Amino acid sequence: MRRLYPDLAARAEAEGMAYRDFLALLIAEEVAHRAQTRIQRCVRRARFPFLKTIDEYDFTFQTGLRLSLLGSALSPEFVTQGHGLI
């Protein structure tokens, strides 16, 4: 929060933001920052040889895997419910 406070306080003052709204914004930014750093930590700990999104994946290289087969596995609910692919 310390790193966000000066910029957000200046913004809140310039926009005439209520204290409650400023505090909600500050907390929301902190929560988002913590979530992002947690993801980065998990990725580093996993020691992936390289990072690739599904959009970058070359389905022509791996002919046995088709995007249509992944279906619901690409939805956010799949991950949040803790399902596995294997």
C-alpha atoms as a PDB file:
ATOM      1  CA  MET A   1       0.000   0.000   0.000  1.00  0.00           C
ATOM      2  CA  ARG A   2       2.878   2.297   0.712  1.00  0.00           C
ATOM      3  CA  ARG A   3       3.954   2.379  -2.930  1.00  0.00           C
ATOM      4  CA  LEU A   4       0.406   3.100  -4.158  1.00  0.00           C
ATOM      5  CA  TYR A   5      -0.625   5.653  -1.560  1.00  0.00           C
ATOM      6  CA  PRO A   6       1.053   8.822  -2.910  1.00  0.00           C
ATOM      7  CA  ASP A   7      -0.286   8.482  -6.459  1.00  0.00           C
ATOM      8  CA  LEU A   8      -3.750   7.402  -5.394  1.00  0.00           C
ATOM      9  CA  ALA A   9      -3.972  10.114  -2.731  1.00  0.00           C
ATOM     10  CA  ALA A  10      -3.096  12.771  -5.312  1.00  0.00           C
ATOM     11  CA  ARG A  11      -5.651  11.325  -7.721  1.00  0.00           C
ATOM     12  CA  ALA A  12      -8.325  11.204  -5.018  1.00  0.00           C
ATOM     13  CA  GLU A  13      -7.659  14.811  -4.066  1.00  0.00           C
ATOM     14  CA  ALA A  14      -7.716  15.993  -7.688  1.00  0.00           C
ATOM     15  CA  GLU A  15     -10.979  14.174  -8.361  1.00  0.00           C
ATOM     16  CA  GLY A  16     -12.581  15.161  -5.056  1.00  0.00           C
ATOM     17  CA  MET A  17     -12.998  11.522  -4.147  1.00  0.00           C
ATOM     18  CA  ALA A  18     -14.676  10.665  -0.839  1.00  0.00           C
ATOM     19  CA  TYR A  19     -12.416   9.065   1.761  1.00  0.00           C
ATOM     20  CA  ARG A  20     -14.392   5.828   1.651  1.00  0.00           C
ATOM     21  CA  ASP A  21     -14.013   5.632  -2.148  1.00  0.00           C
ATOM     22  CA  PHE A  22     -10.303   6.402  -1.878  1.00  0.00           C
ATOM     23  CA  LEU A  23      -9.837   3.677   0.704  1.00  0.00           C
ATOM     24  CA  ALA A  24     -11.807   1.173  -1.395  1.00  0.00           C
ATOM     25  CA  LEU A  25      -9.651   2.011  -4.427  1.00  0.00           C
ATOM     26  CA  LEU A  26      -6.444   1.682  -2.414  1.00  0.00           C
ATOM     27  CA  ILE A  27      -7.478  -1.713  -1.054  1.00  0.00           C
ATOM     28  CA  ALA A  28      -8.639  -2.958  -4.473  1.00  0.00           C
ATOM     29  CA  GLU A  29      -5.293  -1.976  -6.013  1.00  0.00           C
ATOM     30  CA  GLU A  30      -3.410  -3.726  -3.219  1.00  0.00           C
ATOM     31  CA  VAL A  31      -5.457  -6.912  -3.617  1.00  0.00           C
ATOM     32  CA  ALA A  32      -4.846  -6.894  -7.388  1.00  0.00           C
ATOM     33  CA  HIS A  33      -1.112  -6.357  -6.849  1.00  0.00           C
ATOM     34  CA  ARG A  34      -0.918  -9.230  -4.360  1.00  0.00           C
ATOM     35  CA  ALA A  35      -2.782 -11.547  -6.726  1.00  0.00           C
ATOM     36  CA  GLN A  36      -0.399 -10.677  -9.553  1.00  0.00           C
ATOM     37  CA  THR A  37       2.722 -11.201  -7.440  1.00  0.00           C
ATOM     38  CA  ARG A  38       1.309 -14.519  -6.202  1.00  0.00           C
ATOM     39  CA  ILE A  39       0.876 -15.691  -9.786  1.00  0.00           C
ATOM     40  CA  GLN A  40       4.432 -14.624 -10.615  1.00  0.00           C
ATOM     41  CA  ARG A  41       5.748 -16.507  -7.570  1.00  0.00           C
ATOM     42  CA  CYS A  42       3.851 -19.659  -8.510  1.00  0.00           C
ATOM     43  CA  VAL A  43       5.119 -19.532 -12.088  1.00  0.00           C
ATOM     44  CA  ARG A  44       8.718 -19.110 -10.888  1.00  0.00           C
ATOM     45  CA  ARG A  45       8.300 -21.967  -8.410  1.00  0.00           C
ATOM     46  CA  ALA A  46       6.880 -24.225 -11.139  1.00  0.00           C
ATOM     47  CA  ARG A  47      10.079 -23.687 -13.164  1.00  0.00           C
ATOM     48  CA  PHE A  48       8.354 -23.877 -16.512  1.00  0.00           C
ATOM     49  CA  PRO A  49      10.905 -24.068 -19.331  1.00  0.00           C
ATOM     50  CA  PHE A  50       8.974 -21.305 -21.134  1.00  0.00           C
ATOM     51  CA  LEU A  51       5.648 -19.544 -20.816  1.00  0.00           C
ATOM     52  CA  LYS A  52       3.021 -19.794 -23.503  1.00  0.00           C
ATOM     53  CA  THR A  53      -0.641 -18.835 -23.642  1.00  0.00           C
ATOM     54  CA  ILE A  54      -3.257 -20.905 -25.450  1.00  0.00           C
ATOM     55  CA  ASP A  55      -3.313 -18.233 -28.169  1.00  0.00           C
ATOM     56  CA  GLU A  56       0.407 -18.765 -28.794  1.00  0.00           C
ATOM     57  CA  TYR A  57       0.251 -22.559 -28.834  1.00  0.00           C
ATOM     58  CA  ASP A  58       0.970 -24.189 -32.207  1.00  0.00           C
ATOM     59  CA  PHE A  59      -1.731 -26.843 -32.635  1.00  0.00           C
ATOM     60  CA  THR A  60      -0.197 -27.905 -35.969  1.00  0.00           C
ATOM     61  CA  PHE A  61       2.909 -29.080 -34.103  1.00  0.00           C
ATOM     62  CA  GLN A  62       0.975 -31.392 -31.760  1.00  0.00           C
ATOM     63  CA  THR A  63      -1.567 -32.970 -34.094  1.00  0.00           C
ATOM     64  CA  GLY A  64      -3.150 -35.123 -31.391  1.00  0.00           C
ATOM     65  CA  LEU A  65      -4.343 -32.062 -29.503  1.00  0.00           C
ATOM     66  CA  ARG A  66      -7.129 -29.965 -30.952  1.00  0.00           C
ATOM     67  CA  LEU A  67      -8.455 -26.726 -29.551  1.00  0.00           C
ATOM     68  CA  SER A  68     -12.003 -28.074 -29.793  1.00  0.00           C
ATOM     69  CA  LEU A  69     -11.076 -30.953 -27.443  1.00  0.00           C
ATOM     70  CA  LEU A  70     -10.088 -28.541 -24.704  1.00  0.00           C
ATOM     71  CA  GLY A  71     -13.570 -26.989 -24.662  1.00  0.00           C
ATOM     72  CA  SER A  72     -14.573 -26.258 -21.072  1.00  0.00           C
ATOM     73  CA  ALA A  73     -10.982 -26.578 -19.848  1.00  0.00           C
ATOM     74  CA  LEU A  74     -10.376 -23.074 -21.193  1.00  0.00           C
ATOM     75  CA  SER A  75     -13.085 -21.499 -19.051  1.00  0.00           C
ATOM     76  CA  PRO A  76     -12.238 -19.650 -15.827  1.00  0.00           C
ATOM     77  CA  GLU A  77     -14.595 -21.946 -13.903  1.00  0.00           C
ATOM     78  CA  PHE A  78     -12.436 -24.944 -14.787  1.00  0.00           C
ATOM     79  CA  VAL A  79      -9.484 -23.472 -12.925  1.00  0.00           C
ATOM     80  CA  THR A  80     -11.388 -21.962 -10.004  1.00  0.00           C
ATOM     81  CA  GLN A  81     -13.136 -25.275  -9.343  1.00  0.00           C
ATOM     82  CA  GLY A  82      -9.760 -27.017  -9.202  1.00  0.00           C
ATOM     83  CA  HIS A  83     -10.222 -29.486 -12.055  1.00  0.00           C
ATOM     84  CA  GLY A  84      -7.227 -31.184 -13.649  1.00  0.00           C
ATOM     85  CA  LEU A  85      -6.580 -32.074 -17.281  1.00  0.00           C
ATOM     86  CA  ILE A  86      -5.083 -35.480 -16.581  1.00  0.00           C
END
